[in-house]
Amino acid sequence: MDGDLYDEFGNYIGPELESDLSDSDSEYDEVHQQNDEADETGAVVEMNGTADAEAVVLHEDKKYYPTALEIYGPDVESVVQEEDTQPLTEPIVKPVRPKKFQAIERDLPETVYNKEYMADLMDCPNLIRNVALAGHLHHGKTCFVDCLVEQTHPTFVRRDDRDTRYTDTLNTEYERGVGIKAMPITVVMQDFRNKSFLLNVFDTPGHINFSDEISAAFRMCDGVVVFVDAHEGVMMSTERTLKCAVQENLAITLCINKIDRLILELKLPPTDAYLKLRHTIDEVNVLLKSFSTSHEYQTLSPVNGNVFFASGKYNICFTLLSFANLYKEIYPDIQPKDFAKRLWGDIYLNSKTREFQRKAPSGDKPRTFVEFILEPIYKIFSQIVGEVDDTLPRVMSELNIRLTKEEQKLNIRPLLSLIYRRFFGNFTSFVDVISQHIPSPAENAKNKIQLIYTGPMSGQLVDGMLNCNPDGPLMVYTTKNYATPDAASFYVFGRVMSGTLHAQQDVRILGENYSIEDEEDSQTLTVGRLWIFESRYNVEVSRVPAGNWVLIEGIDEPVVKTSTITDVYLNEDVYIFRPLKFSTQSVIKIAIEPVNPSELPKMLDGLRKVNKSYPLLSTRVEESGEHVIFGTGELYLDCVLHDVRKVFSEIDIKVADPVVAFCETVVETSSLKCFCETPNKRNKLTMVCEPMERGLAEDIENQLITLSMNRKNLSSILQEKYNWDLLAARSIWAFGPDYVGPNILVDDTLPSEVDKSLLNSIRESVVQGFQWAAREGPLCEEPIRNVKFKILDAQISSEVLHRGGGQIIPTARRVAYSAFLMATPRLMEPYFHIEVIAPADCVSAVYTVLARRRGHVTQDLPIPGSPLYTIKAFIPAIDSFGFETDLRTHTQGQAFSLSEFHHWQIVPGDPLDRSIYIRPLEPQPATHLAREFMIKTRRRKGLSEDVSVSKFFDDPMLLELAKQDLNKTAECVFYFGIIIIIIIIVHSCSCFFKKMNAPQAFESFLLFEGEEKLIVQKETKVPNAYLFTLNKEDHTIGHLIKDHLMTNPKVLFVGFRAPHPLEHKIYLRLQTTPDVHPIRVMKLALSDLVTMCDHVEEKLKEKIAVKKLYVYLLCRVKY
């Protein structure tokens, strides 16, 4: 019997089961495993797993709160700071503050008309007028718009102390006191017959720097009202406005504004005021005639009804007809139209016969305009501005004007505004001029489409635009982008040319680079909301028919400058509307970078946004990595930088010193035929270049000459105006660097020498290489200008594989560069045209400031009927920075100037002369400027300091250059001998002149080329001052003489004026102390220059300039 089957008492318990054994073993293993883990972690755990309550835990090991890692997770970085890094006045979590960069009305203001009625008028194109208000700075455009807003918005109240400027919505515009953006506003107004019109009015900036806004506004309009200050007359911006309006083929009307200045400031008699008004109108007509290319031009005259007189400050606005209607209320028998025709010109009323006549009845009889219009206005002004008396209510009652006692106690300005508002009523005369002399969108559709549409004038699409059909295919032209209130995106502003634009409509947006062949620049988007833009508020509409302006939401992403919006699906090809054409160029540039490099993406986003906001702004990234902004002037770029810093990027940026854009040109024909081979040695191109004829580049840029012209007409223009031969006129391949570029590529090969079929097969590649070269010249990668490239020979491979674009394009670029470098390359710098208004006693200070900046005066005339003078001058753009501040300092703030880009002029000196040493931190002589500009520009762009010739010439070409240098050595030695002889002769004459005592004659003689004359004139008003006039257009010598004369302590003043592009003379004005004669000082200076030029003779690269110098210096003075 097995004892394991029984217990100690003899009871049978049976054998043990396998499950009990496994359970006990697993429990034993778990207990031992827990004990082992406890030993590893250093914790003491009992067999039952409970913690010992008596265990001691250190203070630093206690854990009261969870860690930041446990709360926020591994993706959040937590920082513990033991000291305050922020003042108590600054909150830890700053409150969200809405951005406010512009004045906006949150609620729709009350108007004298129903908003729904205004929206219904949009369906009547014949009752719509799209008009722009343009003119010079501070000539009263925005103030006039305030009058329109005041008459259509009852809740709008104008301030007495200053103008409200309703359309100047940006804060920067208020701070600077000048309009920056062209702002539209739509109002409903009635004419004299109480007929309502929907007026879409564009208020444009007057500052010349923002002429791009005027160009964008004019594309939206059918007519323009040119504002001219009655006091200042026609100014610089007025001329630009008239020229742009003629180019855009707009209907032009004229407003003589601020007529109150003739009375209150100039205090002119009524007769003199009439003469000044007539002179202003005649001046505008002369400009219109000069700008008009056809024989038919719009004559502006008050008799024709397209001229009205106004003063927005005092609510004055009238035409001859509206004033005649005022007389009809007193004399019901008169005919207003007949009477109005007799209120302008040399027409007088005979008091005895009661008849109008051309001849004055008596010597002091005033003209009808003076008698019936100006004298009543003068009397009202004199009654209110003069001494206060009790006759004011009686005089006003005669004019049917009732004044309360409270109104009689008003100040002069509000009282005058109140009286003239009641005397003239609403601006119905303005509506009459607009409605009668500016066409409606339907009437002007044909003229507008022919000007701005790039496609053929046929098809269903064009028919819809020509008829301004709201049911036709959708075509919208956008020219402006306006930032949203938070500056995060843009609203697109445009004009519906055909069809009807609906909210939430799918449209196709075509950019400026879109074409039928390349449709990459297009995108399909959904239109958001639509508004009628009212400057400070928007009126939302569900649709906008043809002929109206519209503000569009949600499609700004692909739009940069202008765009064309059309239906998604059309049955015919769609062409884009023409990009904007500007009257000026962006020649001022500055480089910027963020203070914090990590904020570079923010700055780039800001640059993209300002590029959308400013029509003429352009940005570029140089090879050095710097971001460059191009603008029209200092104020323009200052506004751009403000928007980058404060509005769009909200970052701190560093700004480099402003510089200017340069151009590269040539002054001679290439000295030898330049050729280049393709990398595969299968093709060879030969080319030369030469300067273009004077005026041809400007005609191409102004699109007076285009490749789309009829070939016969193009050839006739080039032959008759520029003396081209027939073959060259018919062989123009392209303009460069674009279709309106100032460079020409001509095929000058002969069919007997070149296979024309093979040459034409690579034409596109050659044109691309030429335009690439014209876009970035070899001197400092600036655009090439005024150069004609000729293809003389071409050896083309017969296999298509060997003459691909990859072989031809870079070769065409290199051969263009080599031909350019062999044609005496030069740099061109932009010149500004400056207009200064100053009193007579400040004119001399203007001359002084200009002389210090290489400027010269071209016109100095008084303003008729005014104590002010207008000084017009030219100044290099690179020397214009700070000119306005310097001018105001020298004139105690009495002079005011504006400047605009005018032309390009060659910089004196040779940019490739390596013998010139640029002294750091010192002004360079005139002949070193080209070299200095080139080196500093190349450094700024990250290029090597000098041009590498081997980079653009093949080895065979370099060998040809070496042969040519050997042939020139003999010629150089010959010229060197002649120069030595001239030095001896001049030195002998100089020694002889020193023995003389008084000047008796001044003459010159011929030595090398043409007859050189040096004319001396004594100034009668200024003591001891002479004017030296040299019949030459090369002003390098003039700069040399001036710089040397300024070192003489006996010289009081030296003035130098470089030649005007249309002149061929150099002027030097010299004034000395009384103890020495100016001619003697000039003679000694010339003698010293001869001696100083010895070192130049050793550098034969300047032999031509030195030769001219000695011709000018060989002048004999008898004593």
Foldseek 3Di string as FASTA:
>chain_A
DDPVQADPVGHGNGDDDPVVVVVVVVLVVVQVVVVVVCVVVVADADSVGDHDPPDDDDPVRDDDDDDPCVVVNPVDDDDDDPDDPDDPVDDPDDDDDFFFFWFFDPDDADWPDDPVVLVVLLVPLLQEFEEEEAEAAPLQLLLLVLQVCVNTGVVDDADLVDGPSLLQTGPVCVVVVWRQAWAWAWGWDAAPVRDIGIYTYIYGTRFPQQLVRVLLSLLFGQAYEYGAELFQAHDDRSLVNLLSCLLLVHQYFYEHEDLVCVCPPLNDQLQQSLVSVVVRLVVSQVSQCVNHPDPDTDRYDLLVLRYWYYYSLQGDIDGLLLLLVLVCVVVVPDDSNVRSNQQDDQWFQDPVVRDIDNDDPDDPGGGNVSVRPVVVVNVVLCQLVPDDDDCVQVVLVVLVDHDDPVLNPDDRRVNSSVSNCVNSPRNSSVVVSRSPRGGGQQVCQVVSCVSWFPDDCDDQQNVQLNRLEQQGWWKWKWFAWDADRQNPFTWTKIATRGHKDFAQAKKKKAEQPDDPVDHPLIDIDTWHWKWDGRSNYTHTDGMRGHRDMIIIPDDRVSYQGMIMITHPDDPDDGTITHHGQGPAAFWKKKWKAFPDNVLRVLLVQLVSSVSRHRNRKDWDAFPVGTIMITGWDDVGVVVSVCCSCPRRRVGHMDMDDMATAKAKEFAFKFPDWAKDAFPVRQKMWTKAKGFADPPQLVCLSSVVAFPPDDLVVQQVCCCPPVVDDNQFSNFWLAAALHRSHQETEGEPEDVVAAVVVQVVVCSVLLNLLVRCCQCQPQLQGGGYHRMYMYTYHMRHHPDPVVRDSVGRNPRSNLNVNLNRVRRQMFMKFWKKKKKKKAAPVLPVVLLVLQQVQQKDWDDWAASPSHRIIITIIIGTPRSCVCSQVSSCVSRVNGMDMGIGTDDIDTQAARLQPPVDDDDPPDDDFSRCVRVVVSQVSNVVSVHDRGRDPPVRHDPVRVVVVVVVVVVCPVVLVVLLVVLVVLLVVLVVLLVVVVPDDDFDDKFAADDPDDGKTWDWDDDDPDPLKIKIKTQAQPCSLVSLLQVLLVVDPQWDDWGWHHDDPVGGMIIIMTHGDPVDHPVVSSLVSLNVVSVVCPVVSVVSVCSVVVVVSSSVNRMHTHD
